[in-house]
PDB file of N, CA and C in Angstrom:
ATOM      1  N   MET A   1      -9.646   7.198  -8.996  1.00  0.00           N
ATOM      2  CA  MET A   1      -9.333   6.528  -7.741  1.00  0.00           C
ATOM      3  C   MET A   1      -8.209   5.531  -8.005  1.00  0.00           C
ATOM      4  N   PRO A   2      -7.165   5.546  -7.182  1.00  0.00           N
ATOM      5  CA  PRO A   2      -6.041   4.636  -7.414  1.00  0.00           C
ATOM      6  C   PRO A   2      -6.452   3.180  -7.221  1.00  0.00           C
ATOM      7  N   GLU A   3      -5.829   2.335  -7.990  1.00  0.00           N
ATOM      8  CA  GLU A   3      -6.077   0.909  -7.838  1.00  0.00           C
ATOM      9  C   GLU A   3      -5.458   0.410  -6.543  1.00  0.00           C
ATOM     10  N   ARG A   4      -5.922  -0.712  -6.068  1.00  0.00           N
ATOM     11  CA  ARG A   4      -5.446  -1.312  -4.823  1.00  0.00           C
ATOM     12  C   ARG A   4      -3.933  -1.490  -4.841  1.00  0.00           C
ATOM     13  N   ASP A   5      -3.399  -2.085  -5.889  1.00  0.00           N
ATOM     14  CA  ASP A   5      -1.957  -2.315  -5.968  1.00  0.00           C
ATOM     15  C   ASP A   5      -1.180  -1.006  -5.909  1.00  0.00           C
ATOM     16  N   GLU A   6      -1.644  -0.022  -6.665  1.00  0.00           N
ATOM     17  CA  GLU A   6      -0.953   1.269  -6.721  1.00  0.00           C
ATOM     18  C   GLU A   6      -0.968   1.954  -5.354  1.00  0.00           C
ATOM     19  N   LEU A   7      -2.120   1.939  -4.694  1.00  0.00           N
ATOM     20  CA  LEU A   7      -2.247   2.578  -3.393  1.00  0.00           C
ATOM     21  C   LEU A   7      -1.305   1.954  -2.370  1.00  0.00           C
ATOM     22  N   PHE A   8      -1.289   0.648  -2.285  1.00  0.00           N
ATOM     23  CA  PHE A   8      -0.459  -0.008  -1.283  1.00  0.00           C
ATOM     24  C   PHE A   8       1.017   0.009  -1.642  1.00  0.00           C
ATOM     25  N   ARG A   9       1.342   0.016  -2.920  1.00  0.00           N
ATOM     26  CA  ARG A   9       2.751   0.125  -3.301  1.00  0.00           C
ATOM     27  C   ARG A   9       3.299   1.485  -2.884  1.00  0.00           C
ATOM     28  N   LYS A  10       2.485   2.511  -3.032  1.00  0.00           N
ATOM     29  CA  LYS A  10       2.928   3.870  -2.724  1.00  0.00           C
ATOM     30  C   LYS A  10       2.933   4.153  -1.229  1.00  0.00           C
ATOM     31  N   PHE A  11       1.887   3.723  -0.513  1.00  0.00           N
ATOM     32  CA  PHE A  11       1.724   4.098   0.892  1.00  0.00           C
ATOM     33  C   PHE A  11       1.728   2.921   1.849  1.00  0.00           C
ATOM     34  N   GLY A  12       1.801   1.719   1.360  1.00  0.00           N
ATOM     35  CA  GLY A  12       1.624   0.520   2.155  1.00  0.00           C
ATOM     36  C   GLY A  12       2.293   0.492   3.510  1.00  0.00           C
ATOM     37  N   PRO A  13       3.592   0.524   3.574  1.00  0.00           N
ATOM     38  CA  PRO A  13       4.249   0.342   4.875  1.00  0.00           C
ATOM     39  C   PRO A  13       3.863   1.380   5.919  1.00  0.00           C
ATOM     40  N   ILE A  14       3.925   2.647   5.579  1.00  0.00           N
ATOM     41  CA  ILE A  14       3.644   3.674   6.580  1.00  0.00           C
ATOM     42  C   ILE A  14       2.144   3.779   6.852  1.00  0.00           C
ATOM     43  N   LEU A  15       1.317   3.586   5.846  1.00  0.00           N
ATOM     44  CA  LEU A  15      -0.126   3.606   6.026  1.00  0.00           C
ATOM     45  C   LEU A  15      -0.550   2.471   6.947  1.00  0.00           C
ATOM     46  N   LEU A  16      -0.042   1.296   6.692  1.00  0.00           N
ATOM     47  CA  LEU A  16      -0.406   0.146   7.518  1.00  0.00           C
ATOM     48  C   LEU A  16       0.076   0.314   8.954  1.00  0.00           C
ATOM     49  N   GLU A  17       1.252   0.836   9.129  1.00  0.00           N
ATOM     50  CA  GLU A  17       1.759   1.051  10.489  1.00  0.00           C
ATOM     51  C   GLU A  17       0.867   2.034  11.240  1.00  0.00           C
ATOM     52  N   ALA A  18       0.470   3.118  10.597  1.00  0.00           N
ATOM     53  CA  ALA A  18      -0.384   4.110  11.241  1.00  0.00           C
ATOM     54  C   ALA A  18      -1.743   3.510  11.601  1.00  0.00           C
ATOM     55  N   VAL A  19      -2.325   2.747  10.704  1.00  0.00           N
ATOM     56  CA  VAL A  19      -3.625   2.117  10.967  1.00  0.00           C
ATOM     57  C   VAL A  19      -3.513   1.144  12.137  1.00  0.00           C
ATOM     58  N   ILE A  20      -2.465   0.359  12.156  1.00  0.00           N
ATOM     59  CA  ILE A  20      -2.265  -0.603  13.241  1.00  0.00           C
ATOM     60  C   ILE A  20      -2.133   0.124  14.577  1.00  0.00           C
ATOM     61  N   LEU A  21      -1.393   1.216  14.612  1.00  0.00           N
ATOM     62  CA  LEU A  21      -1.221   1.952  15.859  1.00  0.00           C
ATOM     63  C   LEU A  21      -2.525   2.569  16.344  1.00  0.00           C
ATOM     64  N   VAL A  22      -3.337   3.087  15.444  1.00  0.00           N
ATOM     65  CA  VAL A  22      -4.637   3.653  15.819  1.00  0.00           C
ATOM     66  C   VAL A  22      -5.545   2.557  16.385  1.00  0.00           C
ATOM     67  N   ILE A  23      -5.582   1.428  15.714  1.00  0.00           N
ATOM     68  CA  ILE A  23      -6.418   0.315  16.181  1.00  0.00           C
ATOM     69  C   ILE A  23      -5.927  -0.197  17.532  1.00  0.00           C
ATOM     70  N   LEU A  24      -4.625  -0.302  17.705  1.00  0.00           N
ATOM     71  CA  LEU A  24      -4.063  -0.747  18.979  1.00  0.00           C
ATOM     72  C   LEU A  24      -4.453   0.209  20.111  1.00  0.00           C
ATOM     73  N   GLU A  25      -4.335   1.504  19.875  1.00  0.00           N
ATOM     74  CA  GLU A  25      -4.704   2.479  20.896  1.00  0.00           C
ATOM     75  C   GLU A  25      -6.177   2.362  21.264  1.00  0.00           C
ATOM     76  N   GLU A  26      -7.034   2.229  20.272  1.00  0.00           N
ATOM     77  CA  GLU A  26      -8.471   2.121  20.540  1.00  0.00           C
ATOM     78  C   GLU A  26      -8.790   0.796  21.240  1.00  0.00           C
ATOM     79  N   ALA A  27      -8.172  -0.280  20.821  1.00  0.00           N
ATOM     80  CA  ALA A  27      -8.386  -1.571  21.480  1.00  0.00           C
ATOM     81  C   ALA A  27      -7.973  -1.497  22.942  1.00  0.00           C
ATOM     82  N   ASN A  28      -6.858  -0.839  23.225  1.00  0.00           N
ATOM     83  CA  ASN A  28      -6.400  -0.735  24.605  1.00  0.00           C
ATOM     84  C   ASN A  28      -7.311   0.166  25.445  1.00  0.00           C
ATOM     85  N   ARG A  29      -7.913   1.188  24.839  1.00  0.00           N
ATOM     86  CA  ARG A  29      -8.896   2.005  25.574  1.00  0.00           C
ATOM     87  C   ARG A  29     -10.078   1.133  26.005  1.00  0.00           C
ATOM     88  N   ILE A  30     -10.559   0.336  25.078  1.00  0.00           N
ATOM     89  CA  ILE A  30     -11.695  -0.548  25.368  1.00  0.00           C
ATOM     90  C   ILE A  30     -11.290  -1.605  26.397  1.00  0.00           C
ATOM     91  N   ARG A  31     -10.118  -2.201  26.204  1.00  0.00           N
ATOM     92  CA  ARG A  31      -9.647  -3.223  27.136  1.00  0.00           C
ATOM     93  C   ARG A  31      -9.493  -2.653  28.552  1.00  0.00           C
ATOM     94  N   ASN A  32      -9.000  -1.417  28.657  1.00  0.00           N
ATOM     95  CA  ASN A  32      -8.867  -0.778  29.966  1.00  0.00           C
ATOM     96  C   ASN A  32     -10.218  -0.628  30.653  1.00  0.00           C
ATOM     97  N   LYS A  33     -11.241  -0.227  29.893  1.00  0.00           N
ATOM     98  CA  LYS A  33     -12.584  -0.076  30.457  1.00  0.00           C
ATOM     99  C   LYS A  33     -13.157  -1.408  30.927  1.00  0.00           C
ATOM    100  N   LEU A  34     -12.713  -2.494  30.304  1.00  0.00           N
ATOM    101  CA  LEU A  34     -13.189  -3.829  30.669  1.00  0.00           C
ATOM    102  C   LEU A  34     -12.301  -4.495  31.713  1.00  0.00           C
ATOM    103  N   GLY A  35     -11.285  -3.779  32.172  1.00  0.00           N
ATOM    104  CA  GLY A  35     -10.383  -4.325  33.178  1.00  0.00           C
ATOM    105  C   GLY A  35      -9.414  -5.365  32.640  1.00  0.00           C
ATOM    106  N   MET A  36      -9.192  -5.328  31.339  1.00  0.00           N
ATOM    107  CA  MET A  36      -8.283  -6.286  30.707  1.00  0.00           C
ATOM    108  C   MET A  36      -6.914  -5.641  30.508  1.00  0.00           C
ATOM    109  N   PRO A  37      -5.866  -6.455  30.443  1.00  0.00           N
ATOM    110  CA  PRO A  37      -4.533  -5.883  30.214  1.00  0.00           C
ATOM    111  C   PRO A  37      -4.390  -5.339  28.793  1.00  0.00           C
ATOM    112  N   ASN A  38      -3.506  -4.364  28.646  1.00  0.00           N
ATOM    113  CA  ASN A  38      -3.225  -3.797  27.326  1.00  0.00           C
ATOM    114  C   ASN A  38      -2.524  -4.806  26.434  1.00  0.00           C
ATOM    115  N   LEU A  39      -2.778  -4.672  25.148  1.00  0.00           N
ATOM    116  CA  LEU A  39      -1.997  -5.395  24.150  1.00  0.00           C
ATOM    117  C   LEU A  39      -0.755  -4.557  23.857  1.00  0.00           C
ATOM    118  N   THR A  40       0.343  -5.211  23.574  1.00  0.00           N
ATOM    119  CA  THR A  40       1.564  -4.505  23.206  1.00  0.00           C
ATOM    120  C   THR A  40       1.703  -4.491  21.687  1.00  0.00           C
ATOM    121  N   LYS A  41       2.605  -3.665  21.208  1.00  0.00           N
ATOM    122  CA  LYS A  41       2.888  -3.673  19.766  1.00  0.00           C
ATOM    123  C   LYS A  41       3.368  -5.049  19.342  1.00  0.00           C
ATOM    124  N   GLN A  42       4.157  -5.713  20.202  1.00  0.00           N
ATOM    125  CA  GLN A  42       4.659  -7.041  19.860  1.00  0.00           C
ATOM    126  C   GLN A  42       3.519  -8.051  19.771  1.00  0.00           C
ATOM    127  N   ASP A  43       2.516  -7.934  20.645  1.00  0.00           N
ATOM    128  CA  ASP A  43       1.341  -8.811  20.555  1.00  0.00           C
ATOM    129  C   ASP A  43       0.686  -8.688  19.185  1.00  0.00           C
ATOM    130  N   VAL A  44       0.520  -7.450  18.735  1.00  0.00           N
ATOM    131  CA  VAL A  44      -0.121  -7.202  17.441  1.00  0.00           C
ATOM    132  C   VAL A  44       0.758  -7.723  16.309  1.00  0.00           C
ATOM    133  N   LEU A  45       2.053  -7.467  16.378  1.00  0.00           N
ATOM    134  CA  LEU A  45       2.959  -7.947  15.326  1.00  0.00           C
ATOM    135  C   LEU A  45       2.952  -9.475  15.252  1.00  0.00           C
ATOM    136  N   ASP A  46       2.903 -10.130  16.398  1.00  0.00           N
ATOM    137  CA  ASP A  46       2.842 -11.592  16.405  1.00  0.00           C
ATOM    138  C   ASP A  46       1.563 -12.101  15.741  1.00  0.00           C
ATOM    139  N   GLU A  47       0.433 -11.461  16.060  1.00  0.00           N
ATOM    140  CA  GLU A  47      -0.834 -11.854  15.447  1.00  0.00           C
ATOM    141  C   GLU A  47      -0.835 -11.593  13.939  1.00  0.00           C
ATOM    142  N   LEU A  48      -0.301 -10.447  13.534  1.00  0.00           N
ATOM    143  CA  LEU A  48      -0.209 -10.149  12.101  1.00  0.00           C
ATOM    144  C   LEU A  48       0.628 -11.202  11.388  1.00  0.00           C
ATOM    145  N   ASN A  49       1.748 -11.537  11.981  1.00  0.00           N
ATOM    146  CA  ASN A  49       2.620 -12.542  11.392  1.00  0.00           C
ATOM    147  C   ASN A  49       1.894 -13.880  11.240  1.00  0.00           C
ATOM    148  N   ASN A  50       1.090 -14.238  12.234  1.00  0.00           N
ATOM    149  CA  ASN A  50       0.328 -15.483  12.163  1.00  0.00           C
ATOM    150  C   ASN A  50      -0.658 -15.476  10.999  1.00  0.00           C
ATOM    151  N   HIS A  51      -1.246 -14.328  10.703  1.00  0.00           N
ATOM    152  CA  HIS A  51      -2.254 -14.241   9.646  1.00  0.00           C
ATOM    153  C   HIS A  51      -1.666 -14.048   8.250  1.00  0.00           C
ATOM    154  N   LEU A  52      -0.442 -13.588   8.169  1.00  0.00           N
ATOM    155  CA  LEU A  52       0.144 -13.314   6.852  1.00  0.00           C
ATOM    156  C   LEU A  52       0.217 -14.555   5.972  1.00  0.00           C
ATOM    157  N   SER A  53       0.373 -15.701   6.563  1.00  0.00           N
ATOM    158  CA  SER A  53       0.458 -16.937   5.774  1.00  0.00           C
ATOM    159  C   SER A  53      -0.865 -17.271   5.100  1.00  0.00           C
ATOM    160  N   GLU A  54      -1.949 -16.638   5.545  1.00  0.00           N
ATOM    161  CA  GLU A  54      -3.272 -16.895   4.977  1.00  0.00           C
ATOM    162  C   GLU A  54      -3.595 -16.001   3.780  1.00  0.00           C
ATOM    163  N   LEU A  55      -2.801 -14.975   3.552  1.00  0.00           N
ATOM    164  CA  LEU A  55      -3.113 -13.992   2.515  1.00  0.00           C
ATOM    165  C   LEU A  55      -2.336 -14.254   1.231  1.00  0.00           C
ATOM    166  N   GLU A  56      -2.975 -13.970   0.114  1.00  0.00           N
ATOM    167  CA  GLU A  56      -2.327 -14.080  -1.186  1.00  0.00           C
ATOM    168  C   GLU A  56      -1.487 -12.834  -1.442  1.00  0.00           C
ATOM    169  N   PRO A  57      -0.274 -12.984  -1.960  1.00  0.00           N
ATOM    170  CA  PRO A  57       0.538 -11.797  -2.263  1.00  0.00           C
ATOM    171  C   PRO A  57      -0.058 -11.012  -3.438  1.00  0.00           C
ATOM    172  N   TYR A  58       0.241  -9.731  -3.461  1.00  0.00           N
ATOM    173  CA  TYR A  58      -0.132  -8.898  -4.606  1.00  0.00           C
ATOM    174  C   TYR A  58       0.724  -9.314  -5.799  1.00  0.00           C
ATOM    175  N   ASP A  59       0.204  -9.107  -7.005  1.00  0.00           N
ATOM    176  CA  ASP A  59       0.958  -9.461  -8.209  1.00  0.00           C
ATOM    177  C   ASP A  59       2.314  -8.763  -8.241  1.00  0.00           C
ATOM    178  N   TRP A  60       2.349  -7.481  -7.859  1.00  0.00           N
ATOM    179  CA  TRP A  60       3.591  -6.722  -7.929  1.00  0.00           C
ATOM    180  C   TRP A  60       4.642  -7.213  -6.930  1.00  0.00           C
ATOM    181  N   MET A  61       4.235  -7.954  -5.923  1.00  0.00           N
ATOM    182  CA  MET A  61       5.189  -8.450  -4.933  1.00  0.00           C
ATOM    183  C   MET A  61       6.081  -9.545  -5.514  1.00  0.00           C
ATOM    184  N   GLU A  62       5.633 -10.154  -6.586  1.00  0.00           N
ATOM    185  CA  GLU A  62       6.385 -11.241  -7.188  1.00  0.00           C
ATOM    186  C   GLU A  62       7.203 -10.779  -8.389  1.00  0.00           C
ATOM    187  N   GLN A  63       7.121  -9.489  -8.726  1.00  0.00           N
ATOM    188  CA  GLN A  63       7.869  -8.935  -9.842  1.00  0.00           C
ATOM    189  C   GLN A  63       9.201  -8.407  -9.344  1.00  0.00           C
ATOM    190  N   GLU A  64      10.204  -8.495 -10.190  1.00  0.00           N
ATOM    191  CA  GLU A  64      11.513  -7.922  -9.863  1.00  0.00           C
ATOM    192  C   GLU A  64      11.604  -6.537 -10.453  1.00  0.00           C
ATOM    193  N   TYR A  65      12.167  -5.608  -9.705  1.00  0.00           N
ATOM    194  CA  TYR A  65      12.316  -4.224 -10.190  1.00  0.00           C
ATOM    195  C   TYR A  65      13.768  -3.913 -10.388  1.00  0.00           C
TER     196      TYR A  65
END
């Protein structure tokens, strides 16, 4: 099984984008059923940006290649 660093280094950007889009679609389905407005991709990106300051970087992010 690949290590966390290896997995995200290899697939990180596109994997994360796909996961975010799936979650956004499902959240909007639920929100529609509750009569709430849809979230936009920009709403999600803004929230992600707000939370990024709380996370520790991976070791490989600080290495120069």
